[in-house]
Amino acid sequence: MSTLAEQINKYAHQYKRHGGKRNRQQQVMRIIKFLDWIEAQGQVNSLNQLGKRHVILYWKHTRDLSKQTRYGYWLAISILWNWIDKPDKPPVPFNNNNNNNNNNNNNNK
């Protein structure tokens, strides 16, 4: 487990104790995957250093995931944002460029 993931243990433990267990476990795993990826980039050593830029980079990295999966990750990152008292919400995943091009081509026909 990464250093960032270890820093959320106290939040994750409390979060998993209440509500739907499977869903909450899945959300925590998504948070950990996000934090592991961020830490692998070598830019962040503390949860306080996380910002919108890191989330946007993650969306660029996960372009190949489905819209529904990326939305699930956004919900998980929103939970993390709440835990670390970040203002506002994290950036939402943007559409895959390939999907936009296909939609534009269909509209032009």
C-alpha atoms as a PDB file:
ATOM      1  CA  MET A   1       0.000   0.000   0.000  1.00  0.00           C
ATOM      2  CA  SER A   2       1.302   3.448  -0.868  1.00  0.00           C
ATOM      3  CA  THR A   3       2.057   6.232   1.588  1.00  0.00           C
ATOM      4  CA  LEU A   4      -0.960   8.230   0.426  1.00  0.00           C
ATOM      5  CA  ALA A   5      -3.226   5.207   0.778  1.00  0.00           C
ATOM      6  CA  GLU A   6      -1.935   4.658   4.310  1.00  0.00           C
ATOM      7  CA  GLN A   7      -2.872   8.243   5.150  1.00  0.00           C
ATOM      8  CA  ILE A   8      -6.571   7.534   4.455  1.00  0.00           C
ATOM      9  CA  ASN A   9      -6.788   4.438   6.658  1.00  0.00           C
ATOM     10  CA  LYS A  10      -8.545   6.217   9.532  1.00  0.00           C
ATOM     11  CA  TYR A  11     -11.126   7.735   7.161  1.00  0.00           C
ATOM     12  CA  ALA A  12     -11.645   4.480   5.285  1.00  0.00           C
ATOM     13  CA  HIS A  13     -12.109   2.447   8.441  1.00  0.00           C
ATOM     14  CA  GLN A  14     -14.890   4.737   9.688  1.00  0.00           C
ATOM     15  CA  TYR A  15     -16.478   4.961   6.231  1.00  0.00           C
ATOM     16  CA  LYS A  16     -16.645   1.177   5.768  1.00  0.00           C
ATOM     17  CA  ARG A  17     -18.289   0.661   9.158  1.00  0.00           C
ATOM     18  CA  HIS A  18     -21.559   2.303   8.076  1.00  0.00           C
ATOM     19  CA  GLY A  19     -23.831   1.793   5.093  1.00  0.00           C
ATOM     20  CA  GLY A  20     -23.639  -0.743   2.262  1.00  0.00           C
ATOM     21  CA  LYS A  21     -20.508  -2.763   2.861  1.00  0.00           C
ATOM     22  CA  ARG A  22     -19.794  -3.908  -0.707  1.00  0.00           C
ATOM     23  CA  ASN A  23     -20.272  -0.473  -2.208  1.00  0.00           C
ATOM     24  CA  ARG A  24     -18.173   1.224   0.430  1.00  0.00           C
ATOM     25  CA  GLN A  25     -15.393  -1.343   0.038  1.00  0.00           C
ATOM     26  CA  GLN A  26     -15.470  -0.734  -3.722  1.00  0.00           C
ATOM     27  CA  GLN A  27     -15.292   3.042  -3.215  1.00  0.00           C
ATOM     28  CA  VAL A  28     -12.310   2.693  -0.876  1.00  0.00           C
ATOM     29  CA  MET A  29     -10.552   0.444  -3.416  1.00  0.00           C
ATOM     30  CA  ARG A  30     -11.141   3.069  -6.124  1.00  0.00           C
ATOM     31  CA  ILE A  31      -9.701   5.762  -3.855  1.00  0.00           C
ATOM     32  CA  ILE A  32      -6.640   3.603  -3.202  1.00  0.00           C
ATOM     33  CA  LYS A  33      -6.138   2.947  -6.932  1.00  0.00           C
ATOM     34  CA  PHE A  34      -6.365   6.679  -7.606  1.00  0.00           C
ATOM     35  CA  LEU A  35      -3.885   7.488  -4.821  1.00  0.00           C
ATOM     36  CA  ASP A  36      -1.484   4.739  -5.938  1.00  0.00           C
ATOM     37  CA  TRP A  37      -1.510   6.162  -9.472  1.00  0.00           C
ATOM     38  CA  ILE A  38      -0.969   9.720  -8.191  1.00  0.00           C
ATOM     39  CA  GLU A  39       1.912   8.617  -6.002  1.00  0.00           C
ATOM     40  CA  ALA A  40       3.500   6.700  -8.891  1.00  0.00           C
ATOM     41  CA  GLN A  41       3.644   9.995 -10.804  1.00  0.00           C
ATOM     42  CA  GLY A  42       6.000  11.279  -8.082  1.00  0.00           C
ATOM     43  CA  GLN A  43       4.310  14.634  -7.609  1.00  0.00           C
ATOM     44  CA  VAL A  44       2.486  14.218  -4.293  1.00  0.00           C
ATOM     45  CA  ASN A  45       3.718  13.074  -0.879  1.00  0.00           C
ATOM     46  CA  SER A  46       0.779  14.177   1.258  1.00  0.00           C
ATOM     47  CA  LEU A  47      -3.001  14.224   0.880  1.00  0.00           C
ATOM     48  CA  ASN A  48      -2.902  17.990   1.432  1.00  0.00           C
ATOM     49  CA  GLN A  49      -0.947  18.341  -1.820  1.00  0.00           C
ATOM     50  CA  LEU A  50      -3.723  16.769  -3.911  1.00  0.00           C
ATOM     51  CA  GLY A  51      -5.457  19.160  -6.243  1.00  0.00           C
ATOM     52  CA  LYS A  52      -7.718  19.397  -9.251  1.00  0.00           C
ATOM     53  CA  ARG A  53      -4.743  19.132 -11.589  1.00  0.00           C
ATOM     54  CA  HIS A  54      -4.018  15.628 -10.308  1.00  0.00           C
ATOM     55  CA  VAL A  55      -7.603  14.536 -10.888  1.00  0.00           C
ATOM     56  CA  ILE A  56      -7.531  15.911 -14.441  1.00  0.00           C
ATOM     57  CA  LEU A  57      -4.308  13.989 -15.114  1.00  0.00           C
ATOM     58  CA  TYR A  58      -5.999  10.861 -13.810  1.00  0.00           C
ATOM     59  CA  TRP A  59      -8.951  11.382 -16.178  1.00  0.00           C
ATOM     60  CA  LYS A  60      -6.523  11.678 -19.070  1.00  0.00           C
ATOM     61  CA  HIS A  61      -4.847   8.454 -17.973  1.00  0.00           C
ATOM     62  CA  THR A  62      -8.159   6.561 -17.702  1.00  0.00           C
ATOM     63  CA  ARG A  63      -9.667   7.598 -21.042  1.00  0.00           C
ATOM     64  CA  ASP A  64     -10.174   3.952 -22.015  1.00  0.00           C
ATOM     65  CA  LEU A  65     -12.517   3.218 -19.088  1.00  0.00           C
ATOM     66  CA  SER A  66     -16.257   3.331 -19.634  1.00  0.00           C
ATOM     67  CA  LYS A  67     -18.270   6.424 -18.773  1.00  0.00           C
ATOM     68  CA  GLN A  68     -19.981   4.531 -15.930  1.00  0.00           C
ATOM     69  CA  THR A  69     -16.676   3.338 -14.445  1.00  0.00           C
ATOM     70  CA  ARG A  70     -15.187   6.808 -14.589  1.00  0.00           C
ATOM     71  CA  TYR A  71     -18.308   8.177 -12.878  1.00  0.00           C
ATOM     72  CA  GLY A  72     -17.795   5.583 -10.132  1.00  0.00           C
ATOM     73  CA  TYR A  73     -14.221   6.810  -9.712  1.00  0.00           C
ATOM     74  CA  TRP A  74     -15.470  10.407  -9.593  1.00  0.00           C
ATOM     75  CA  LEU A  75     -17.860   9.484  -6.771  1.00  0.00           C
ATOM     76  CA  ALA A  76     -14.978   7.840  -4.903  1.00  0.00           C
ATOM     77  CA  ILE A  77     -12.699  10.840  -5.443  1.00  0.00           C
ATOM     78  CA  SER A  78     -15.537  13.072  -4.218  1.00  0.00           C
ATOM     79  CA  ILE A  79     -15.570  11.081  -0.982  1.00  0.00           C
ATOM     80  CA  LEU A  80     -11.798  11.564  -0.687  1.00  0.00           C
ATOM     81  CA  TRP A  81     -12.254  15.306  -1.317  1.00  0.00           C
ATOM     82  CA  ASN A  82     -14.703  15.417   1.569  1.00  0.00           C
ATOM     83  CA  TRP A  83     -12.356  13.507   3.872  1.00  0.00           C
ATOM     84  CA  ILE A  84      -9.473  15.891   3.265  1.00  0.00           C
ATOM     85  CA  ASP A  85     -11.653  19.030   3.436  1.00  0.00           C
ATOM     86  CA  LYS A  86     -11.095  20.224  -0.120  1.00  0.00           C
ATOM     87  CA  PRO A  87     -13.428  23.013  -1.250  1.00  0.00           C
ATOM     88  CA  ASP A  88     -15.922  22.370  -4.042  1.00  0.00           C
ATOM     89  CA  LYS A  89     -16.013  19.041  -5.854  1.00  0.00           C
ATOM     90  CA  PRO A  90     -13.229  17.384  -7.835  1.00  0.00           C
ATOM     91  CA  PRO A  91     -13.286  17.862 -11.613  1.00  0.00           C
ATOM     92  CA  VAL A  92     -15.741  15.562 -13.367  1.00  0.00           C
ATOM     93  CA  PRO A  93     -14.413  13.125 -15.955  1.00  0.00           C
ATOM     94  CA  PHE A  94     -14.489  14.589 -19.431  1.00  0.00           C
ATOM     95  CA  ASN A  95     -15.735  12.673 -22.447  1.00  0.00           C
ATOM     96  CA  ASN A  96     -13.428  10.492 -24.449  1.00  0.00           C
ATOM     97  CA  ASN A  97     -12.375  12.305 -27.638  1.00  0.00           C
ATOM     98  CA  ASN A  98     -13.186   9.249 -29.758  1.00  0.00           C
ATOM     99  CA  ASN A  99     -16.781   9.274 -28.538  1.00  0.00           C
ATOM    100  CA  ASN A 100     -17.088  12.983 -29.301  1.00  0.00           C
ATOM    101  CA  ASN A 101     -15.764  12.484 -32.834  1.00  0.00           C
ATOM    102  CA  ASN A 102     -18.192   9.623 -33.453  1.00  0.00           C
ATOM    103  CA  ASN A 103     -21.119  11.677 -32.175  1.00  0.00           C
ATOM    104  CA  ASN A 104     -20.125  14.637 -34.333  1.00  0.00           C
ATOM    105  CA  ASN A 105     -19.838  12.417 -37.406  1.00  0.00           C
ATOM    106  CA  ASN A 106     -23.277  10.936 -36.767  1.00  0.00           C
ATOM    107  CA  ASN A 107     -24.797  14.403 -36.385  1.00  0.00           C
ATOM    108  CA  ASN A 108     -23.310  15.542 -39.690  1.00  0.00           C
ATOM    109  CA  LYS A 109     -24.950  12.739 -41.689  1.00  0.00           C
END
